[in-house]
């Protein structure tokens, strides 16, 4: 037998032997119980799932001097891992435009222990259950019917006025019974020294924020929910502010009808100067799915406003604002939605403005 043929035969035989050994090792590994004392044995074996959300908008302003153009929306990575029957991890990483730059925010990062539907507890950075909008729709604009969030439901960096994130412990659950009672209660870091700061690394004072929510969704009124909530904090701003917030929300979602409304009052008391700043916000959203066979088309109307003190430094001296928007959402598929709307906005001391906006929103 020529040398080259013998060499090839030896290499093939060695490869076959390695393959047999590898198969035997895999079989033995699958049959043997996992050694949980090993720090590397189970790396990469967790049920890790990733979903994405994103949107692109086209904006047309009918007002002279205001330019039209494209807006690259946020790129939202929603990541979950169910570790066993009770433990799971959730994170949400968002890449969003800031001017013509892209910034990155870890919006949620929570470790969850779920005993049952009646009780689960999360530790980490969560969405504050004080308002219902952020815990219903979260960050992906694909999830919500209108193109934009209500004024009072804007995130801290948009900028929004209400505390939307919460870092600490949050217990919540839904109790059995015809009343459909549900609750949430949390203790954690409060607001930072400025409006946009979410205290993820430490707390600037020893007074912890408390958030609580209680709601009902009775069996006798399927699709109807009502919630009441409160948020208490001590803000370590230039002058310490005592914060006491209250909110009431309700919704009716059944068949083609989607009705939602929310009202909140936020009070910041400056004890050093005996001044109390009161800010109120509200919105009402109505949508209806048209009875068109094979097409999911939902016209909607959003009416909203805030009543702000105008001279509170911590909130950035906000002005009163009212707005309304009318538009429609067409679900092209389970994963793609096209939206279009006209929005009219009036800020105190500024001429009323309006814009036409179209949006392509996807879940991938």
Protein backbone atom coordinates (compact mmCIF):
# COMPACT_ATOMS: atom_id res chain seq x y z
CA UNK A 1 0.00 0.00 0.00
CA UNK A 2 1.46 3.39 -0.96
CA UNK A 3 2.58 5.66 1.89
CA UNK A 4 0.01 8.38 1.03
CA UNK A 5 -2.88 5.87 1.13
CA UNK A 6 -1.65 4.47 4.48
CA UNK A 7 -1.43 8.00 5.89
CA UNK A 8 -4.99 8.82 4.81
CA UNK A 9 -6.24 5.54 6.29
CA UNK A 10 -4.57 6.31 9.65
CA UNK A 11 -6.06 9.81 9.77
CA UNK A 12 -9.56 8.51 8.97
CA UNK A 13 -9.28 5.81 11.61
CA UNK A 14 -8.14 8.35 14.21
CA UNK A 15 -11.07 10.65 13.32
CA UNK A 16 -13.54 7.78 13.69
CA UNK A 17 -12.10 6.88 17.08
CA UNK A 18 -12.32 10.50 18.30
CA UNK A 19 -15.95 10.67 17.11
CA UNK A 20 -16.82 7.46 19.01
CA UNK A 21 -15.16 8.75 22.18
CA UNK A 22 -16.99 12.09 21.89
CA UNK A 23 -20.36 10.39 21.45
CA UNK A 24 -19.74 8.15 24.43
CA UNK A 25 -18.79 11.15 26.57
CA UNK A 26 -21.96 13.03 25.57
CA UNK A 27 -24.11 10.00 26.35
CA UNK A 28 -22.47 9.56 29.75
CA UNK A 29 -22.88 13.30 30.47
CA UNK A 30 -26.59 13.26 29.58
CA UNK A 31 -27.25 10.20 31.77
CA UNK A 32 -25.31 11.45 34.78
CA UNK A 33 -26.85 13.94 37.24
CA UNK A 34 -25.57 17.49 36.95
CA UNK A 35 -22.93 18.48 39.48
CA UNK A 36 -24.24 21.83 40.73
CA UNK A 37 -21.03 22.41 42.67
CA UNK A 38 -19.23 23.09 39.40
CA UNK A 39 -19.21 26.76 38.42
CA UNK A 40 -18.87 25.99 34.73
CA UNK A 41 -21.03 22.87 34.31
CA UNK A 42 -24.27 24.73 33.51
CA UNK A 43 -23.01 27.90 31.83
CA UNK A 44 -24.98 28.46 28.63
CA UNK A 45 -27.74 26.01 29.54
CA UNK A 46 -30.25 28.53 30.93
CA UNK A 47 -33.43 29.12 28.87
CA UNK A 48 -32.35 32.53 27.59
CA UNK A 49 -34.85 34.37 25.34
CA UNK A 50 -34.54 37.70 23.55
CA UNK A 51 -37.23 39.83 21.93
CA UNK A 52 -36.74 43.11 20.14
CA UNK A 53 -38.88 46.20 19.67
CA UNK A 54 -38.19 49.14 17.41
CA UNK A 55 -39.80 51.97 15.47
CA UNK A 56 -39.10 54.54 12.78
CA UNK A 57 -41.21 57.73 12.51
CA UNK A 58 -41.87 60.22 9.73
CA UNK A 59 -42.80 63.69 11.05
CA UNK A 60 -44.47 66.48 9.07
CA UNK A 61 -45.13 69.83 10.71
CA UNK A 62 -47.68 72.18 9.12
CA UNK A 63 -46.14 75.20 10.86
CA UNK A 64 -43.77 77.55 9.11
CA UNK A 65 -40.15 77.24 10.23
CA UNK A 66 -40.55 73.68 11.57
CA UNK A 67 -38.78 71.01 9.54
CA UNK A 68 -40.05 67.59 8.52
CA UNK A 69 -37.92 64.47 8.62
CA UNK A 70 -37.28 60.94 9.79
CA UNK A 71 -36.82 59.98 13.43
CA UNK A 72 -34.99 56.80 14.38
CA UNK A 73 -36.88 55.45 17.38
CA UNK A 74 -35.62 53.35 20.26
CA UNK A 75 -34.16 49.86 19.79
CA UNK A 76 -35.43 47.83 22.74
CA UNK A 77 -33.95 44.46 23.72
CA UNK A 78 -36.27 42.58 26.09
CA UNK A 79 -34.44 39.61 27.65
CA UNK A 80 -35.85 36.92 29.93
CA UNK A 81 -34.59 33.68 31.46
CA UNK A 82 -36.80 31.28 33.44
CA UNK A 83 -34.36 29.45 35.67
CA UNK A 84 -36.78 27.01 37.29
CA UNK A 85 -40.36 26.76 38.50
CA UNK A 86 -40.06 29.83 40.72
CA UNK A 87 -37.01 31.89 39.71
CA UNK A 88 -36.57 34.10 36.65
CA UNK A 89 -34.54 37.08 35.46
CA UNK A 90 -35.74 39.96 33.29
CA UNK A 91 -33.79 42.79 31.72
CA UNK A 92 -34.57 45.52 29.21
CA UNK A 93 -31.76 47.30 27.37
CA UNK A 94 -32.77 50.30 25.26
CA UNK A 95 -30.74 52.14 22.64
CA UNK A 96 -32.46 55.48 22.05
CA UNK A 97 -31.74 58.68 20.12
CA UNK A 98 -30.64 61.79 21.96
CA UNK A 99 -30.39 64.51 19.34
CA UNK A 100 -28.29 62.89 16.65
CA UNK A 101 -26.52 60.56 19.08
CA UNK A 102 -27.55 57.16 20.40
CA UNK A 103 -27.53 56.58 24.16
CA UNK A 104 -27.87 53.28 26.02
CA UNK A 105 -30.00 52.70 29.12
CA UNK A 106 -30.54 49.57 31.18
CA UNK A 107 -34.20 50.30 31.83
CA UNK A 108 -35.06 47.15 33.77
CA UNK A 109 -32.95 44.52 35.51
CA UNK A 110 -34.88 42.41 37.99
CA UNK A 111 -34.58 39.04 39.70
CA UNK A 112 -37.99 37.52 40.36
CA UNK A 113 -39.21 34.83 42.74
CA UNK A 114 -42.79 33.79 41.93
CA UNK A 115 -44.47 31.58 44.50
CA UNK A 116 -47.86 31.76 42.80
CA UNK A 117 -50.15 34.22 40.99
CA UNK A 118 -50.97 35.61 44.42
CA UNK A 119 -47.39 36.46 45.36
CA UNK A 120 -44.17 37.26 43.57
CA UNK A 121 -41.30 39.49 44.58
CA UNK A 122 -38.76 41.24 42.39
CA UNK A 123 -35.41 42.76 43.34
CA UNK A 124 -33.64 45.30 41.15
CA UNK A 125 -34.67 48.05 38.76
CA UNK A 126 -38.37 47.77 37.83
CA UNK A 127 -41.09 49.94 36.35
CA UNK A 128 -42.90 51.78 39.11
CA UNK A 129 -46.48 50.43 39.48
CA UNK A 130 -47.63 53.85 40.70
CA UNK A 131 -48.92 54.63 37.18
CA UNK A 132 -50.60 51.97 35.04
CA UNK A 133 -49.30 53.10 31.63
CA UNK A 134 -45.62 52.12 32.15
CA UNK A 135 -46.43 48.67 33.58
CA UNK A 136 -48.98 47.97 30.82
CA UNK A 137 -46.91 49.02 27.79
CA UNK A 138 -43.31 49.37 29.07
CA UNK A 139 -40.79 50.77 26.52
CA UNK A 140 -41.62 49.18 23.17
CA UNK A 141 -43.96 51.53 21.27
CA UNK A 142 -45.25 48.52 19.33
CA UNK A 143 -47.13 47.47 22.48
CA UNK A 144 -49.31 50.60 22.74
CA UNK A 145 -52.07 51.78 20.41
CA UNK A 146 -51.08 55.48 19.94
CA UNK A 147 -47.79 56.64 18.49
CA UNK A 148 -46.65 58.58 21.57
CA UNK A 149 -46.97 58.15 25.31
CA UNK A 150 -49.19 60.53 27.30
CA UNK A 151 -47.39 63.54 28.77
CA UNK A 152 -47.66 62.23 32.35
CA UNK A 153 -46.31 58.80 31.29
CA UNK A 154 -43.07 60.05 29.74
CA UNK A 155 -39.86 58.48 31.07
CA UNK A 156 -37.55 60.52 33.28
CA UNK A 157 -35.10 61.30 30.46
CA UNK A 158 -37.72 62.36 27.86
CA UNK A 159 -38.17 64.35 30.18
CA UNK A 160 -41.11 63.24 32.28
CA UNK A 161 -42.20 64.59 35.67
CA UNK A 162 -43.46 61.46 37.45
CA UNK A 163 -41.23 58.74 39.04
CA UNK A 164 -41.37 55.97 36.42
CA UNK A 165 -38.59 53.63 37.61
CA UNK A 166 -38.12 52.07 41.01
CA UNK A 167 -34.97 50.40 42.38
CA UNK A 168 -35.47 48.07 45.35
CA UNK A 169 -37.92 45.32 46.33
CA UNK A 170 -41.37 45.04 44.78
CA UNK A 171 -44.00 42.47 45.85
CA UNK A 172 -47.16 42.02 43.81
CA UNK A 173 -49.86 39.51 43.02
CA UNK A 174 -53.43 38.79 41.98
CA UNK A 175 -55.73 37.14 44.53
CA UNK A 176 -58.39 34.59 43.70
CA UNK A 177 -62.02 35.56 43.99
CA UNK A 178 -64.85 37.23 42.10
CA UNK A 179 -63.49 40.70 42.92
CA UNK A 180 -60.20 40.12 41.11
CA UNK A 181 -58.13 41.92 43.74
CA UNK A 182 -54.54 42.75 42.78
CA UNK A 183 -51.83 44.61 44.66
CA UNK A 184 -48.27 45.91 44.52
CA UNK A 185 -46.02 47.16 47.32
CA UNK A 186 -42.41 48.26 47.07
CA UNK A 187 -39.59 49.77 49.14
CA UNK A 188 -36.46 51.15 47.52
CA UNK A 189 -34.30 54.07 46.46
CA UNK A 190 -36.19 57.27 45.84
CA UNK A 191 -35.56 60.06 43.40
CA UNK A 192 -32.10 61.46 42.85
CA UNK A 193 -30.77 64.99 43.21
CA UNK A 194 -32.21 65.94 39.80
CA UNK A 195 -35.28 64.92 37.84
CA UNK A 196 -33.62 62.57 35.34
CA UNK A 197 -31.55 60.63 37.92
CA UNK A 198 -32.62 57.06 38.75
CA UNK A 199 -30.57 55.94 41.76
CA UNK A 200 -29.35 52.51 40.68
CA UNK A 201 -26.03 52.43 42.58
CA UNK A 202 -26.83 54.05 45.92
CA UNK A 203 -29.32 56.31 47.65
CA UNK A 204 -28.51 59.95 48.41
CA UNK A 205 -30.38 59.75 51.73
CA UNK A 206 -31.60 57.18 54.24
CA UNK A 207 -35.30 57.82 53.60
CA UNK A 208 -36.56 55.08 51.30
CA UNK A 209 -39.34 55.56 48.79
CA UNK A 210 -42.55 53.57 49.21
CA UNK A 211 -44.89 52.72 46.36
CA UNK A 212 -48.22 50.91 46.69
CA UNK A 213 -51.09 50.04 44.38
CA UNK A 214 -54.44 48.28 44.88
CA UNK A 215 -56.86 47.34 42.12
CA UNK A 216 -59.89 45.25 41.25
CA UNK A 217 -61.07 43.55 38.06
CA UNK A 218 -64.43 41.96 39.00
CA UNK A 219 -65.69 38.88 37.20
CA UNK A 220 -69.11 40.52 36.88
CA UNK A 221 -67.62 43.27 34.69
CA UNK A 222 -65.24 41.43 32.38
CA UNK A 223 -62.64 43.75 30.88
CA UNK A 224 -63.05 46.44 33.54
CA UNK A 225 -60.26 47.38 35.97
CA UNK A 226 -59.77 50.21 38.45
CA UNK A 227 -56.64 51.04 40.47
CA UNK A 228 -55.61 53.42 43.20
CA UNK A 229 -51.96 54.04 44.10
CA UNK A 230 -49.62 56.16 46.16
CA UNK A 231 -45.92 57.06 46.14
CA UNK A 232 -44.06 58.61 49.09
CA UNK A 233 -40.47 59.86 49.03
CA UNK A 234 -38.02 62.38 50.42
CA UNK A 235 -36.12 64.04 47.55
CA UNK A 236 -32.48 65.07 48.27
CA UNK A 237 -32.54 68.11 45.98
CA UNK A 238 -30.93 71.49 46.75
CA UNK A 239 -33.75 71.90 49.24
CA UNK A 240 -35.16 68.64 50.62
CA UNK A 241 -38.67 68.00 49.31
CA UNK A 242 -41.31 65.76 50.84
CA UNK A 243 -43.08 63.94 47.99
CA UNK A 244 -46.63 62.60 48.26
CA UNK A 245 -48.24 61.37 45.05
CA UNK A 246 -51.63 59.83 44.35
CA UNK A 247 -53.15 58.28 41.23
CA UNK A 248 -56.42 56.72 40.10
CA UNK A 249 -56.82 54.79 36.87
CA UNK A 250 -59.46 52.72 35.13
CA UNK A 251 -59.75 50.76 31.90
CA UNK A 252 -62.30 48.80 29.94
CA UNK A 253 -60.91 46.45 27.30
CA UNK A 254 -63.33 43.95 25.78
CA UNK A 255 -63.97 42.93 22.21
CA UNK A 256 -63.30 45.86 19.84
CA UNK A 257 -63.38 48.49 22.64
CA UNK A 258 -60.30 49.87 24.40
CA UNK A 259 -60.92 52.69 26.89
CA UNK A 260 -58.29 53.91 29.37
CA UNK A 261 -57.97 56.87 31.69
CA UNK A 262 -55.66 58.00 34.48
CA UNK A 263 -55.35 60.97 36.84
CA UNK A 264 -52.52 61.78 39.24
CA UNK A 265 -51.59 64.48 41.70
CA UNK A 266 -47.97 65.02 42.73
CA UNK A 267 -47.10 67.17 45.76
CA UNK A 268 -43.62 68.35 46.68
CA UNK A 269 -43.44 70.14 50.03
CA UNK A 270 -40.49 72.41 50.71
CA UNK A 271 -40.56 72.49 54.51
CA UNK A 272 -37.66 74.95 54.79
CA UNK A 273 -39.62 77.62 52.92
CA UNK A 274 -43.17 76.44 53.76
CA UNK A 275 -44.04 76.01 50.06
CA UNK A 276 -46.03 73.14 48.51
CA UNK A 277 -45.82 72.56 44.76
CA UNK A 278 -48.77 70.66 43.28
CA UNK A 279 -48.74 69.12 39.81
CA UNK A 280 -51.67 67.28 38.25
CA UNK A 281 -51.79 65.14 35.12
CA UNK A 282 -54.42 63.16 33.27
CA UNK A 283 -55.23 61.39 30.01
CA UNK A 284 -58.13 59.61 28.36
CA UNK A 285 -57.60 57.15 25.49
CA UNK A 286 -60.36 55.64 23.39
CA UNK A 287 -59.88 53.12 20.56
CA UNK A 288 -62.19 50.88 18.55
CA UNK A 289 -61.34 47.94 16.30
CA UNK A 290 -63.31 48.29 13.09
CA UNK A 291 -65.31 45.24 11.94
CA UNK A 292 -63.30 44.68 8.75
CA UNK A 293 -62.74 41.03 7.91
CA UNK A 294 -59.06 40.07 7.88
CA UNK A 295 -57.86 43.58 8.84
CA UNK A 296 -57.08 44.90 12.33
CA UNK A 297 -57.62 48.65 12.06
CA UNK A 298 -58.14 50.72 15.20
CA UNK A 299 -58.92 54.45 15.10
CA UNK A 300 -58.10 56.20 18.38
CA UNK A 301 -58.35 59.52 20.19
CA UNK A 302 -56.05 60.61 23.03
CA UNK A 303 -56.86 63.71 25.12
CA UNK A 304 -54.48 64.74 27.91
CA UNK A 305 -52.95 67.51 29.97
CA UNK A 306 -50.86 68.56 32.95
CA UNK A 307 -51.37 71.43 35.35
CA UNK A 308 -47.95 72.42 36.72
CA UNK A 309 -46.88 75.09 39.23
CA UNK A 310 -44.36 76.59 36.78
CA UNK A 311 -41.86 77.65 39.44
CA UNK A 312 -40.60 74.36 40.88
CA UNK A 313 -36.89 74.11 40.16
CA UNK A 314 -36.65 70.35 40.71
CA UNK A 315 -39.20 69.69 37.94
CA UNK A 316 -37.51 72.18 35.62
CA UNK A 317 -40.11 74.94 36.03
CA UNK A 318 -42.76 73.14 33.94
CA UNK A 319 -45.67 74.95 32.28
CA UNK A 320 -49.27 73.89 31.88
CA UNK A 321 -49.79 71.73 28.80
CA UNK A 322 -52.82 70.28 27.02
CA UNK A 323 -52.93 68.14 23.90
CA UNK A 324 -55.13 65.94 21.77
CA UNK A 325 -54.27 63.39 19.12
CA UNK A 326 -56.40 61.50 16.61
CA UNK A 327 -55.12 58.65 14.48
CA UNK A 328 -55.24 54.99 13.65
CA UNK A 329 -53.27 51.79 14.03
CA UNK A 330 -53.17 49.05 11.39
CA UNK A 331 -51.69 45.71 12.46
CA UNK A 332 -50.16 44.52 9.20
CA UNK A 333 -49.21 41.24 10.90
CA UNK A 334 -48.65 39.85 14.38
CA UNK A 335 -45.24 41.53 14.41
CA UNK A 336 -45.68 44.74 12.39
CA UNK A 337 -47.89 47.80 13.00
CA UNK A 338 -48.37 50.98 10.97
CA UNK A 339 -49.70 54.07 12.77
CA UNK A 340 -50.60 57.60 11.68
CA UNK A 341 -51.91 60.55 13.68
CA UNK A 342 -52.36 64.29 13.93
CA UNK A 343 -51.44 65.84 17.29
CA UNK A 344 -52.23 69.34 18.55
CA UNK A 345 -50.30 70.62 21.57
CA UNK A 346 -50.67 73.81 23.62
CA UNK A 347 -48.01 74.81 26.16
CA UNK A 348 -48.70 77.82 28.38
CA UNK A 349 -47.11 80.94 26.92
CA UNK A 350 -46.38 79.30 23.54
CA UNK A 351 -48.48 79.30 20.38
CA UNK A 352 -50.39 76.06 19.74
CA UNK A 353 -48.40 73.63 17.60
CA UNK A 354 -49.39 70.61 15.58
CA UNK A 355 -47.75 67.79 13.68
CA UNK A 356 -48.57 64.85 11.46
CA UNK A 357 -46.65 61.71 12.37
CA UNK A 358 -46.48 58.24 10.86
CA UNK A 359 -44.82 55.28 12.55
CA UNK A 360 -43.59 51.83 11.61
CA UNK A 361 -43.37 49.76 14.82
CA UNK A 362 -42.14 46.17 14.97
CA UNK A 363 -41.73 43.32 17.44
CA UNK A 364 -39.02 40.88 16.32
